[in-house]
């Protein structure tokens, strides 16, 4: 009796059993994914996770980005509205001064001088850093009276 067909059938059954067992396993848990640390910190997950957790983290990341983008857009809109209001108030004040300045001798020079002085008092980009650097130098030199 030839036992080769029996071995082939038994091998096929063992192979099918192994494949059926593997198909029931969640292999996504075995595949590791490195989530960037900044993303992991933003959404509150571990930087080392598996593929299954990474897909959930991706969805959380998308929701976080949309939410933070909406907050940022709202802040920009609010700041733009405040700027427009301040700009219109300033323009109205200057227009009122210009109409009355003509009746005062030297009024045009007065308006120009006041405009220049107010421009000097506005903060420029980098003023805070310059102030911090100056304070650090004063502290380094050893006192507040330098």
C-alpha atoms as a PDB file:
ATOM      1  CA  UNK A   1       0.000   0.000   0.000  1.00  0.00           C
ATOM      2  CA  UNK A   2       1.299   3.395  -1.034  1.00  0.00           C
ATOM      3  CA  UNK A   3       1.235   5.878   1.895  1.00  0.00           C
ATOM      4  CA  UNK A   4       2.157   8.985  -0.118  1.00  0.00           C
ATOM      5  CA  UNK A   5      -1.474  10.084  -0.727  1.00  0.00           C
ATOM      6  CA  UNK A   6      -2.161   9.761   3.003  1.00  0.00           C
ATOM      7  CA  UNK A   7       0.826  12.011   3.825  1.00  0.00           C
ATOM      8  CA  UNK A   8      -0.234  14.561   1.212  1.00  0.00           C
ATOM      9  CA  UNK A   9      -3.803  14.642   2.532  1.00  0.00           C
ATOM     10  CA  UNK A  10      -2.583  14.869   6.142  1.00  0.00           C
ATOM     11  CA  UNK A  11      -0.167  17.682   5.181  1.00  0.00           C
ATOM     12  CA  UNK A  12      -2.968  19.550   3.423  1.00  0.00           C
ATOM     13  CA  UNK A  13      -5.229  19.168   6.466  1.00  0.00           C
ATOM     14  CA  UNK A  14      -2.469  20.417   8.789  1.00  0.00           C
ATOM     15  CA  UNK A  15      -1.779  23.362   6.440  1.00  0.00           C
ATOM     16  CA  UNK A  16      -5.458  24.227   6.217  1.00  0.00           C
ATOM     17  CA  UNK A  17      -5.758  24.007  10.022  1.00  0.00           C
ATOM     18  CA  UNK A  18      -2.797  26.354  10.497  1.00  0.00           C
ATOM     19  CA  UNK A  19      -4.151  28.853   7.947  1.00  0.00           C
ATOM     20  CA  UNK A  20      -7.625  28.695   9.507  1.00  0.00           C
ATOM     21  CA  UNK A  21      -6.108  29.387  12.920  1.00  0.00           C
ATOM     22  CA  UNK A  22      -4.101  32.316  11.594  1.00  0.00           C
ATOM     23  CA  UNK A  23      -7.129  33.805   9.887  1.00  0.00           C
ATOM     24  CA  UNK A  24      -8.852  33.976  13.271  1.00  0.00           C
ATOM     25  CA  UNK A  25      -5.913  35.880  14.806  1.00  0.00           C
ATOM     26  CA  UNK A  26      -5.657  39.651  14.619  1.00  0.00           C
ATOM     27  CA  UNK A  27      -2.255  40.071  13.003  1.00  0.00           C
ATOM     28  CA  UNK A  28      -2.538  43.885  13.216  1.00  0.00           C
ATOM     29  CA  UNK A  29      -1.631  43.567  16.890  1.00  0.00           C
ATOM     30  CA  UNK A  30       1.688  42.001  15.911  1.00  0.00           C
ATOM     31  CA  UNK A  31       2.779  44.807  13.560  1.00  0.00           C
ATOM     32  CA  UNK A  32       4.416  47.678  15.458  1.00  0.00           C
ATOM     33  CA  UNK A  33       4.041  51.335  14.467  1.00  0.00           C
ATOM     34  CA  UNK A  34       6.142  54.227  15.787  1.00  0.00           C
ATOM     35  CA  UNK A  35       3.910  57.261  16.302  1.00  0.00           C
ATOM     36  CA  UNK A  36       5.848  60.563  16.206  1.00  0.00           C
ATOM     37  CA  UNK A  37       6.320  61.845  19.773  1.00  0.00           C
ATOM     38  CA  UNK A  38       4.689  65.213  19.098  1.00  0.00           C
ATOM     39  CA  UNK A  39       1.576  63.495  17.732  1.00  0.00           C
ATOM     40  CA  UNK A  40       1.514  61.005  20.616  1.00  0.00           C
ATOM     41  CA  UNK A  41       1.751  63.848  23.162  1.00  0.00           C
ATOM     42  CA  UNK A  42      -0.966  65.879  21.440  1.00  0.00           C
ATOM     43  CA  UNK A  43      -3.533  63.069  21.449  1.00  0.00           C
ATOM     44  CA  UNK A  44      -2.340  61.330  24.628  1.00  0.00           C
ATOM     45  CA  UNK A  45      -1.253  57.918  23.349  1.00  0.00           C
ATOM     46  CA  UNK A  46       1.925  55.878  23.593  1.00  0.00           C
ATOM     47  CA  UNK A  47       4.560  56.504  20.918  1.00  0.00           C
ATOM     48  CA  UNK A  48       5.052  52.749  20.478  1.00  0.00           C
ATOM     49  CA  UNK A  49       1.888  50.965  19.448  1.00  0.00           C
ATOM     50  CA  UNK A  50       0.595  48.348  17.068  1.00  0.00           C
ATOM     51  CA  UNK A  51      -1.198  48.806  13.775  1.00  0.00           C
ATOM     52  CA  UNK A  52      -4.648  48.417  15.307  1.00  0.00           C
ATOM     53  CA  UNK A  53      -3.996  51.137  17.911  1.00  0.00           C
ATOM     54  CA  UNK A  54      -2.301  53.332  15.304  1.00  0.00           C
ATOM     55  CA  UNK A  55      -5.446  53.413  13.183  1.00  0.00           C
ATOM     56  CA  UNK A  56      -7.442  54.678  16.166  1.00  0.00           C
ATOM     57  CA  UNK A  57      -4.661  57.175  16.953  1.00  0.00           C
ATOM     58  CA  UNK A  58      -4.821  58.410  13.333  1.00  0.00           C
ATOM     59  CA  UNK A  59      -8.542  59.098  13.664  1.00  0.00           C
ATOM     60  CA  UNK A  60      -7.940  60.876  16.998  1.00  0.00           C
ATOM     61  CA  UNK A  61      -5.176  62.931  15.361  1.00  0.00           C
ATOM     62  CA  UNK A  62      -7.463  64.013  12.525  1.00  0.00           C
ATOM     63  CA  UNK A  63     -10.158  65.089  15.006  1.00  0.00           C
ATOM     64  CA  UNK A  64      -7.540  66.964  17.095  1.00  0.00           C
ATOM     65  CA  UNK A  65      -6.176  68.799  14.048  1.00  0.00           C
ATOM     66  CA  UNK A  66      -9.655  69.807  12.889  1.00  0.00           C
ATOM     67  CA  UNK A  67     -10.609  71.024  16.379  1.00  0.00           C
ATOM     68  CA  UNK A  68      -7.390  73.005  16.894  1.00  0.00           C
ATOM     69  CA  UNK A  69      -7.577  74.446  13.368  1.00  0.00           C
ATOM     70  CA  UNK A  70     -11.111  75.656  14.067  1.00  0.00           C
ATOM     71  CA  UNK A  71      -9.949  77.292  17.316  1.00  0.00           C
ATOM     72  CA  UNK A  72      -7.039  78.946  15.513  1.00  0.00           C
ATOM     73  CA  UNK A  73      -9.282  80.224  12.712  1.00  0.00           C
ATOM     74  CA  UNK A  74     -11.674  81.676  15.300  1.00  0.00           C
ATOM     75  CA  UNK A  75      -8.812  83.447  17.080  1.00  0.00           C
ATOM     76  CA  UNK A  76      -7.610  84.918  13.764  1.00  0.00           C
ATOM     77  CA  UNK A  77     -11.131  86.120  12.925  1.00  0.00           C
ATOM     78  CA  UNK A  78     -11.522  87.716  16.382  1.00  0.00           C
ATOM     79  CA  UNK A  79      -8.135  89.446  16.106  1.00  0.00           C
ATOM     80  CA  UNK A  80      -8.999  90.698  12.616  1.00  0.00           C
ATOM     81  CA  UNK A  81     -12.271  92.130  13.902  1.00  0.00           C
ATOM     82  CA  UNK A  82     -10.480  93.888  16.778  1.00  0.00           C
ATOM     83  CA  UNK A  83      -7.890  95.257  14.340  1.00  0.00           C
ATOM     84  CA  UNK A  84     -10.597  96.552  11.991  1.00  0.00           C
ATOM     85  CA  UNK A  85     -12.382  98.258  14.891  1.00  0.00           C
ATOM     86  CA  UNK A  86      -9.190  99.891  16.206  1.00  0.00           C
ATOM     87  CA  UNK A  87      -8.209 100.939  12.699  1.00  0.00           C
ATOM     88  CA  UNK A  88     -11.586 102.582  12.055  1.00  0.00           C
ATOM     89  CA  UNK A  89     -11.522 104.393  15.421  1.00  0.00           C
ATOM     90  CA  UNK A  90      -8.016 105.679  14.678  1.00  0.00           C
ATOM     91  CA  UNK A  91      -9.013 106.781  11.184  1.00  0.00           C
ATOM     92  CA  UNK A  92     -12.095 108.569  12.503  1.00  0.00           C
ATOM     93  CA  UNK A  93      -9.998 110.358  15.120  1.00  0.00           C
ATOM     94  CA  UNK A  94      -7.415 111.440  12.566  1.00  0.00           C
ATOM     95  CA  UNK A  95     -10.102 112.652  10.166  1.00  0.00           C
ATOM     96  CA  UNK A  96     -11.726 114.680  12.951  1.00  0.00           C
ATOM     97  CA  UNK A  97      -8.351 116.179  13.841  1.00  0.00           C
ATOM     98  CA  UNK A  98      -7.559 117.001  10.219  1.00  0.00           C
ATOM     99  CA  UNK A  99     -10.760 118.953   9.760  1.00  0.00           C
ATOM    100  CA  UNK A 100     -10.202 120.964  12.953  1.00  0.00           C
ATOM    101  CA  UNK A 101      -6.427 121.295  12.526  1.00  0.00           C
ATOM    102  CA  UNK A 102      -6.838 123.714   9.634  1.00  0.00           C
ATOM    103  CA  UNK A 103      -8.352 126.343  11.911  1.00  0.00           C
ATOM    104  CA  UNK A 104      -5.436 126.191  14.392  1.00  0.00           C
ATOM    105  CA  UNK A 105      -2.152 127.827  13.371  1.00  0.00           C
ATOM    106  CA  UNK A 106       0.383 125.005  12.927  1.00  0.00           C
ATOM    107  CA  UNK A 107      -2.360 122.406  13.311  1.00  0.00           C
ATOM    108  CA  UNK A 108      -1.121 120.283  10.408  1.00  0.00           C
ATOM    109  CA  UNK A 109       2.286 120.072  12.050  1.00  0.00           C
ATOM    110  CA  UNK A 110       0.638 119.213  15.357  1.00  0.00           C
ATOM    111  CA  UNK A 111      -1.340 116.351  13.792  1.00  0.00           C
ATOM    112  CA  UNK A 112       1.769 115.065  12.026  1.00  0.00           C
ATOM    113  CA  UNK A 113       3.793 115.250  15.243  1.00  0.00           C
ATOM    114  CA  UNK A 114       1.127 113.430  17.258  1.00  0.00           C
ATOM    115  CA  UNK A 115       0.857 110.741  14.586  1.00  0.00           C
ATOM    116  CA  UNK A 116       4.621 110.276  14.620  1.00  0.00           C
ATOM    117  CA  UNK A 117       4.721 110.122  18.440  1.00  0.00           C
ATOM    118  CA  UNK A 118       1.935 107.547  18.575  1.00  0.00           C
ATOM    119  CA  UNK A 119       3.781 105.462  15.994  1.00  0.00           C
ATOM    120  CA  UNK A 120       6.873 105.462  18.200  1.00  0.00           C
ATOM    121  CA  UNK A 121       4.863 104.035  21.101  1.00  0.00           C
ATOM    122  CA  UNK A 122       3.556 101.041  19.156  1.00  0.00           C
ATOM    123  CA  UNK A 123       5.325  97.750  19.757  1.00  0.00           C
ATOM    124  CA  UNK A 124       7.348  96.405  16.885  1.00  0.00           C
ATOM    125  CA  UNK A 125       8.040  92.751  16.171  1.00  0.00           C
ATOM    126  CA  UNK A 126      10.971  91.619  18.291  1.00  0.00           C
ATOM    127  CA  UNK A 127      10.618  94.295  21.026  1.00  0.00           C
ATOM    128  CA  UNK A 128       9.877  91.662  23.687  1.00  0.00           C
ATOM    129  CA  UNK A 129      12.997  89.669  22.773  1.00  0.00           C
ATOM    130  CA  UNK A 130      15.143  92.807  22.850  1.00  0.00           C
ATOM    131  CA  UNK A 131      13.778  93.691  26.286  1.00  0.00           C
ATOM    132  CA  UNK A 132      14.461  90.165  27.558  1.00  0.00           C
ATOM    133  CA  UNK A 133      17.998  90.243  26.139  1.00  0.00           C
ATOM    134  CA  UNK A 134      18.645  93.608  27.775  1.00  0.00           C
ATOM    135  CA  UNK A 135      17.319  92.354  31.111  1.00  0.00           C
ATOM    136  CA  UNK A 136      19.577  89.288  30.850  1.00  0.00           C
ATOM    137  CA  UNK A 137      22.613  91.501  30.170  1.00  0.00           C
ATOM    138  CA  UNK A 138      21.765  93.719  33.143  1.00  0.00           C
ATOM    139  CA  UNK A 139      21.404  90.674  35.383  1.00  0.00           C
ATOM    140  CA  UNK A 140      24.683  89.290  34.036  1.00  0.00           C
ATOM    141  CA  UNK A 141      26.468  92.544  34.838  1.00  0.00           C
ATOM    142  CA  UNK A 142      25.337  92.183  38.384  1.00  0.00           C
ATOM    143  CA  UNK A 143      22.497  94.434  39.198  1.00  0.00           C
ATOM    144  CA  UNK A 144      19.440  96.381  38.335  1.00  0.00           C
ATOM    145  CA  UNK A 145      21.124  99.801  38.565  1.00  0.00           C
ATOM    146  CA  UNK A 146      23.481  99.267  35.626  1.00  0.00           C
END
